[in-house]
């Protein structure tokens, strides 16, 4: 099973796909957004992801802030005002899309409503990433599934039935190009809530690729996700945790992101594949430390080989014990001395 994001193949056999979630950390500053794109690419990200929304269509003016937003934004600023200040204009979307193309990193964005999804589709986005909160926005998923494009679906806060309702839409539209991301929607989330064992269960239940949207501290959970079959990792990214905005404090810096990418690279290398073979670096050891059929006494030409005539000794360059049945009872073509390691051609 494989899916394409841009020019990259995403599968269990492919290198892990990394998304740097800039999200709203650009604070509406185009130059800062560009700086983050370059930093993310240098840190090993395959894609940089933003968010596409209009405050007026996303929330009521009376919508409260959640706990982490209260902690990281001015108390005098409402949820609506916070969201409004973090919008990206359509023109800036185009500028950032072009900037990503020129710098060899894939542009992604999360639409928060159907109109935003249509806009991203219109400007040529080949992949969409949906927010955990919107797994219940089945109207938007109905549109996205119908595009036939790749959809990355975060599942934070969702139970299995809600995920099933969403996936049914893709099945109905015959769109198999979706990836489910395990996620815990808190910033940061506690280790007690990570429940990483659900990854292979999601893959099995929905017959799809799975990944992980990481809101935890450190890289351990991301590493575990790869071990459990995750093909994609998304992590919030910033260039300065002291910048204003709700997500800066729980985002990772370029150095931290690079460390994660390198650790995942090493883990994938260690995991290898499911084939059990003699590795190239084991060949010399195999030839020396395995044992071959060896005469424990001299035998003469024409003498029949009996099991009592042989033992097993190093090196392992001759016949193994399983080959003994092929030559037992056969006559020796020549005389052979004690400790001679016999071959099939020595008997007739």
Protein backbone atom coordinates (compact mmCIF):
# COMPACT_ATOMS: atom_id res chain seq x y z
CA UNK A 1 0.00 0.00 0.00
CA UNK A 2 1.40 3.39 -0.97
CA UNK A 3 0.27 6.99 -1.41
CA UNK A 4 1.93 9.92 -3.13
CA UNK A 5 2.46 13.34 -1.53
CA UNK A 6 3.96 15.65 -4.10
CA UNK A 7 6.79 13.70 -5.71
CA UNK A 8 7.32 11.45 -2.67
CA UNK A 9 6.02 7.91 -2.26
CA UNK A 10 4.70 7.29 1.25
CA UNK A 11 4.54 3.66 2.37
CA UNK A 12 5.76 1.26 5.05
CA UNK A 13 8.82 0.57 2.89
CA UNK A 14 9.59 4.22 2.09
CA UNK A 15 11.50 6.70 4.24
CA UNK A 16 9.35 8.37 6.89
CA UNK A 17 7.59 11.49 5.60
CA UNK A 18 8.09 14.56 7.80
CA UNK A 19 5.73 17.52 8.04
CA UNK A 20 6.79 20.67 9.86
CA UNK A 21 3.58 22.20 11.20
CA UNK A 22 4.23 25.93 11.08
CA UNK A 23 0.48 26.33 11.43
CA UNK A 24 -0.11 29.84 12.73
CA UNK A 25 3.37 30.37 14.17
CA UNK A 26 4.09 32.88 11.39
CA UNK A 27 1.79 35.35 13.22
CA UNK A 28 0.63 36.76 9.89
CA UNK A 29 4.18 37.85 9.04
CA UNK A 30 5.10 36.74 5.51
CA UNK A 31 8.84 37.17 6.06
CA UNK A 32 8.69 35.11 9.23
CA UNK A 33 6.76 32.42 7.36
CA UNK A 34 9.47 32.31 4.69
CA UNK A 35 12.17 32.09 7.36
CA UNK A 36 10.34 29.12 8.89
CA UNK A 37 10.01 27.39 5.52
CA UNK A 38 13.76 27.54 4.96
CA UNK A 39 14.53 26.45 8.52
CA UNK A 40 12.11 23.52 8.27
CA UNK A 41 13.60 22.35 4.99
CA UNK A 42 17.11 22.56 6.41
CA UNK A 43 15.92 20.58 9.45
CA UNK A 44 14.79 17.65 7.28
CA UNK A 45 11.11 18.36 6.70
CA UNK A 46 9.58 17.10 3.46
CA UNK A 47 6.66 19.49 3.78
CA UNK A 48 5.76 22.69 5.59
CA UNK A 49 2.14 23.02 6.62
CA UNK A 50 0.06 26.12 7.24
CA UNK A 51 -3.62 26.67 8.11
CA UNK A 52 -6.34 28.12 5.88
CA UNK A 53 -9.36 29.76 7.52
CA UNK A 54 -11.43 32.89 8.00
CA UNK A 55 -12.16 33.84 11.59
CA UNK A 56 -15.72 34.83 10.71
CA UNK A 57 -16.55 31.35 9.41
CA UNK A 58 -14.52 29.43 11.99
CA UNK A 59 -15.80 30.61 15.34
CA UNK A 60 -18.34 32.73 17.19
CA UNK A 61 -17.24 35.97 18.78
CA UNK A 62 -18.12 34.38 22.13
CA UNK A 63 -15.99 31.24 21.63
CA UNK A 64 -13.72 30.80 24.68
CA UNK A 65 -10.04 29.97 24.60
CA UNK A 66 -8.80 26.58 25.74
CA UNK A 67 -6.32 26.33 28.59
CA UNK A 68 -3.07 26.38 26.61
CA UNK A 69 -4.31 29.34 24.53
CA UNK A 70 -5.10 31.30 27.70
CA UNK A 71 -1.60 30.58 28.95
CA UNK A 72 0.19 31.64 25.77
CA UNK A 73 -1.83 34.66 24.58
CA UNK A 74 -2.89 37.98 26.12
CA UNK A 75 -5.83 37.70 28.50
CA UNK A 76 -7.40 40.78 26.92
CA UNK A 77 -7.53 39.07 23.51
CA UNK A 78 -10.61 36.97 22.71
CA UNK A 79 -10.52 33.65 20.90
CA UNK A 80 -11.99 35.36 17.84
CA UNK A 81 -9.39 38.14 17.92
CA UNK A 82 -6.61 35.60 18.29
CA UNK A 83 -7.83 33.63 15.28
CA UNK A 84 -8.35 36.79 13.22
CA UNK A 85 -4.77 37.93 13.82
CA UNK A 86 -3.41 34.61 12.53
CA UNK A 87 -5.17 34.50 9.16
CA UNK A 88 -3.17 34.13 5.96
CA UNK A 89 -4.54 36.08 3.00
CA UNK A 90 -5.17 34.31 -0.29
CA UNK A 91 -2.36 36.27 -1.86
CA UNK A 92 0.05 35.21 0.87
CA UNK A 93 -0.97 31.59 0.32
CA UNK A 94 0.09 31.95 -3.30
CA UNK A 95 3.37 33.59 -2.33
CA UNK A 96 4.20 30.85 0.19
CA UNK A 97 3.17 28.09 -2.21
CA UNK A 98 5.53 29.51 -4.83
CA UNK A 99 8.27 30.01 -2.23
CA UNK A 100 8.02 26.37 -1.16
CA UNK A 101 8.25 25.21 -4.78
CA UNK A 102 11.35 27.31 -5.41
CA UNK A 103 13.03 25.95 -2.30
CA UNK A 104 12.24 22.28 -2.85
CA UNK A 105 9.86 21.72 0.05
CA UNK A 106 6.21 20.71 -0.30
CA UNK A 107 3.47 23.19 0.60
CA UNK A 108 0.58 21.88 2.66
CA UNK A 109 -2.25 23.58 4.47
CA UNK A 110 -5.17 22.60 6.66
CA UNK A 111 -8.55 23.88 5.43
CA UNK A 112 -11.06 24.59 8.18
CA UNK A 113 -14.15 24.76 5.97
CA UNK A 114 -15.34 23.77 2.50
CA UNK A 115 -14.59 27.16 0.95
CA UNK A 116 -11.01 27.03 2.26
CA UNK A 117 -10.67 23.51 0.87
CA UNK A 118 -11.96 24.67 -2.52
CA UNK A 119 -9.45 27.52 -2.53
CA UNK A 120 -6.53 25.17 -1.78
CA UNK A 121 -7.74 22.80 -4.47
CA UNK A 122 -7.99 25.66 -6.95
CA UNK A 123 -4.40 26.81 -6.38
CA UNK A 124 -3.12 23.30 -7.08
CA UNK A 125 -2.62 21.63 -3.71
CA UNK A 126 -2.31 17.87 -4.31
CA UNK A 127 -2.67 16.92 -0.64
CA UNK A 128 -4.89 18.13 2.18
CA UNK A 129 -4.36 17.75 5.93
CA UNK A 130 -7.44 18.00 8.15
CA UNK A 131 -7.44 19.06 11.78
CA UNK A 132 -8.45 16.66 14.53
CA UNK A 133 -11.38 18.89 15.49
CA UNK A 134 -12.78 18.57 11.97
CA UNK A 135 -13.08 14.80 11.82
CA UNK A 136 -16.76 15.47 12.60
CA UNK A 137 -17.05 18.04 9.79
CA UNK A 138 -18.36 15.43 7.42
CA UNK A 139 -19.48 18.10 4.96
CA UNK A 140 -15.87 19.13 4.39
CA UNK A 141 -14.68 15.52 4.24
CA UNK A 142 -17.36 14.81 1.65
CA UNK A 143 -15.86 17.54 -0.53
CA UNK A 144 -12.26 16.48 0.10
CA UNK A 145 -12.95 12.81 -0.61
CA UNK A 146 -14.51 13.83 -3.91
CA UNK A 147 -11.35 15.56 -5.10
CA UNK A 148 -9.63 12.20 -5.46
CA UNK A 149 -6.53 13.72 -3.90
CA UNK A 150 -4.49 12.56 -0.92
CA UNK A 151 -6.04 13.43 2.45
CA UNK A 152 -4.18 13.24 5.77
CA UNK A 153 -6.73 12.95 8.59
CA UNK A 154 -5.85 13.71 12.20
CA UNK A 155 -7.88 11.73 14.73
CA UNK A 156 -7.27 13.58 18.01
CA UNK A 157 -10.29 13.61 20.37
CA UNK A 158 -12.07 11.05 18.18
CA UNK A 159 -13.39 7.64 19.13
CA UNK A 160 -13.48 4.70 16.74
CA UNK A 161 -17.08 5.31 15.70
CA UNK A 162 -16.36 8.93 14.71
CA UNK A 163 -13.34 7.81 12.69
CA UNK A 164 -15.48 5.15 11.04
CA UNK A 165 -18.13 7.73 10.07
CA UNK A 166 -15.43 9.81 8.41
CA UNK A 167 -13.72 6.94 6.61
CA UNK A 168 -17.07 5.72 5.23
CA UNK A 169 -17.24 8.91 3.19
CA UNK A 170 -13.90 8.12 1.52
CA UNK A 171 -14.98 4.56 0.91
CA UNK A 172 -18.23 5.74 -0.65
CA UNK A 173 -16.29 8.12 -2.92
CA UNK A 174 -13.86 5.29 -3.73
CA UNK A 175 -10.95 7.41 -2.53
CA UNK A 176 -8.39 5.12 -0.93
CA UNK A 177 -5.74 7.85 -0.77
CA UNK A 178 -6.04 8.77 2.89
CA UNK A 179 -3.72 8.46 5.88
CA UNK A 180 -5.03 8.40 9.44
CA UNK A 181 -2.86 10.24 11.95
CA UNK A 182 -3.02 9.20 15.56
CA UNK A 183 -3.03 12.34 17.72
CA UNK A 184 -3.72 13.51 21.27
CA UNK A 185 -5.17 17.01 21.17
CA UNK A 186 -3.48 18.79 24.03
CA UNK A 187 -0.48 21.11 23.93
CA UNK A 188 1.59 19.43 25.23
CA UNK A 189 -0.13 16.10 25.85
CA UNK A 190 0.86 13.82 28.72
CA UNK A 191 2.62 10.48 28.26
CA UNK A 192 -0.30 8.79 30.02
CA UNK A 193 -2.59 9.82 27.15
CA UNK A 194 -0.35 8.89 24.22
CA UNK A 195 -1.80 5.39 23.68
CA UNK A 196 0.61 4.67 20.84
CA UNK A 197 -0.54 1.05 20.62
CA UNK A 198 -3.59 2.26 18.70
CA UNK A 199 -1.55 2.86 15.51
CA UNK A 200 -1.51 -0.73 14.22
CA UNK A 201 -5.13 -1.09 15.31
CA UNK A 202 -6.14 1.86 13.13
CA UNK A 203 -4.18 0.45 10.21
CA UNK A 204 -5.90 -2.92 10.59
CA UNK A 205 -9.40 -1.58 11.23
CA UNK A 206 -9.44 0.79 8.25
CA UNK A 207 -6.97 -0.96 5.94
CA UNK A 208 -4.95 2.20 5.45
CA UNK A 209 -1.60 3.83 6.11
CA UNK A 210 -1.20 5.49 9.48
CA UNK A 211 1.02 8.19 10.94
CA UNK A 212 1.37 10.36 13.99
CA UNK A 213 0.72 14.03 14.73
CA UNK A 214 2.94 14.63 17.74
CA UNK A 215 1.99 17.07 20.48
CA UNK A 216 4.16 15.46 23.14
CA UNK A 217 7.44 16.69 24.61
CA UNK A 218 10.55 15.09 23.12
CA UNK A 219 10.92 12.56 20.32
CA UNK A 220 10.13 9.28 22.05
CA UNK A 221 6.52 9.03 20.91
CA UNK A 222 7.46 9.86 17.32
CA UNK A 223 10.10 7.14 17.40
CA UNK A 224 7.60 4.63 18.75
CA UNK A 225 5.13 5.56 15.99
CA UNK A 226 7.63 4.44 13.35
CA UNK A 227 8.30 1.18 15.16
CA UNK A 228 4.53 0.56 15.20
CA UNK A 229 4.18 1.13 11.46
CA UNK A 230 3.66 4.89 11.17
CA UNK A 231 4.69 6.30 7.79
CA UNK A 232 4.34 10.03 8.48
CA UNK A 233 5.18 12.35 11.37
CA UNK A 234 3.84 15.85 11.88
CA UNK A 235 5.31 18.12 14.55
CA UNK A 236 4.70 21.79 15.38
CA UNK A 237 7.67 23.90 14.29
CA UNK A 238 8.98 27.36 15.13
CA UNK A 239 12.20 29.33 14.92
CA UNK A 240 11.71 31.05 18.29
CA UNK A 241 9.62 29.80 21.21
CA UNK A 242 9.45 33.33 22.62
CA UNK A 243 7.44 34.63 19.68
CA UNK A 244 3.84 35.58 20.39
CA UNK A 245 1.11 33.11 19.53
CA UNK A 246 -0.66 30.13 21.08
CA UNK A 247 1.51 27.33 19.66
CA UNK A 248 5.08 28.65 19.95
CA UNK A 249 5.88 27.24 23.37
CA UNK A 250 4.94 23.66 22.46
CA UNK A 251 6.61 23.74 19.03
CA UNK A 252 10.09 22.41 18.36
CA UNK A 253 13.07 24.45 17.21
CA UNK A 254 15.07 23.59 14.07
CA UNK A 255 17.78 21.78 16.03
CA UNK A 256 15.17 19.69 17.85
CA UNK A 257 13.40 18.87 14.59
CA UNK A 258 16.71 17.83 12.99
CA UNK A 259 17.44 15.55 15.93
CA UNK A 260 14.04 13.90 15.54
CA UNK A 261 14.56 13.34 11.81
CA UNK A 262 17.99 11.82 12.38
CA UNK A 263 16.76 9.54 15.17
CA UNK A 264 13.87 8.34 13.02
CA UNK A 265 16.28 7.75 10.12
CA UNK A 266 18.42 5.56 12.36
CA UNK A 267 15.38 3.68 13.67
CA UNK A 268 14.18 2.93 10.13
CA UNK A 269 17.65 1.67 9.30
CA UNK A 270 17.64 -0.57 12.38
CA UNK A 271 14.13 -1.87 11.66
CA UNK A 272 15.17 -3.02 8.19
CA UNK A 273 12.66 -5.29 6.48
CA UNK A 274 10.83 -8.49 7.36
CA UNK A 275 13.21 -10.78 5.45
CA UNK A 276 15.45 -12.99 7.59
CA UNK A 277 18.72 -13.47 5.73
CA UNK A 278 22.41 -13.84 6.43
CA UNK A 279 23.64 -10.25 6.36
CA UNK A 280 26.74 -9.43 4.32
CA UNK A 281 28.70 -8.64 7.46
CA UNK A 282 27.81 -12.07 8.86
CA UNK A 283 29.23 -14.07 5.94
CA UNK A 284 32.78 -14.36 7.26
CA UNK A 285 31.47 -15.36 10.70
CA UNK A 286 29.23 -17.95 9.04
CA UNK A 287 32.12 -19.52 7.14
CA UNK A 288 34.30 -19.70 10.24
CA UNK A 289 32.00 -20.41 13.18
CA UNK A 290 29.53 -22.85 11.65
CA UNK A 291 30.56 -26.52 11.57
CA UNK A 292 30.95 -28.89 8.63
CA UNK A 293 30.86 -32.67 8.32
CA UNK A 294 34.36 -33.86 9.25
CA UNK A 295 35.88 -37.35 9.35
CA UNK A 296 36.73 -38.49 12.87
CA UNK A 297 38.83 -41.36 11.44
CA UNK A 298 40.50 -42.16 8.14
CA UNK A 299 38.53 -44.14 5.58
CA UNK A 300 39.79 -46.01 2.54
CA UNK A 301 38.71 -45.96 -1.09
CA UNK A 302 35.57 -48.07 -1.57
CA UNK A 303 34.63 -48.00 2.12
CA UNK A 304 31.00 -47.18 2.89
CA UNK A 305 30.42 -44.03 4.90
CA UNK A 306 28.73 -44.61 8.26
CA UNK A 307 27.41 -41.98 10.69
CA UNK A 308 30.02 -43.11 13.24
CA UNK A 309 32.73 -41.99 10.80
CA UNK A 310 31.82 -38.29 11.02
CA UNK A 311 31.63 -35.44 13.49
CA UNK A 312 31.09 -31.68 13.14
CA UNK A 313 33.94 -29.19 13.29
CA UNK A 314 34.71 -25.67 12.21
CA UNK A 315 35.05 -24.06 9.68
CA UNK A 316 31.61 -24.04 8.09
CA UNK A 317 32.75 -24.12 4.47
CA UNK A 318 31.74 -27.73 3.84
CA UNK A 319 28.60 -29.82 4.19
CA UNK A 320 26.15 -29.27 7.04
CA UNK A 321 24.61 -32.06 9.12
CA UNK A 322 21.41 -31.96 7.06
CA UNK A 323 23.49 -33.17 4.06
CA UNK A 324 24.68 -36.35 5.79
CA UNK A 325 21.64 -38.36 4.66
CA UNK A 326 22.65 -37.71 1.03
CA UNK A 327 25.91 -39.64 1.37
CA UNK A 328 25.35 -42.20 4.15
CA UNK A 329 26.02 -45.73 2.86
CA UNK A 330 27.78 -44.52 -0.28
CA UNK A 331 31.30 -45.70 -1.18
CA UNK A 332 34.30 -43.40 -0.93
CA UNK A 333 35.83 -42.53 -4.32
CA UNK A 334 39.22 -42.06 -2.66
CA UNK A 335 41.00 -42.58 0.64
CA UNK A 336 40.54 -39.71 3.10
CA UNK A 337 42.40 -38.84 6.29
CA UNK A 338 41.04 -37.96 9.73
CA UNK A 339 39.76 -34.33 10.01
CA UNK A 340 39.06 -34.25 6.27
CA UNK A 341 35.92 -32.17 5.60
CA UNK A 342 33.96 -34.21 3.10
CA UNK A 343 32.10 -33.11 -0.03
CA UNK A 344 29.22 -34.67 -1.97
CA UNK A 345 31.57 -35.53 -4.84
CA UNK A 346 33.74 -37.69 -2.59
CA UNK A 347 31.21 -40.55 -2.67
CA UNK A 348 29.38 -42.70 -5.23
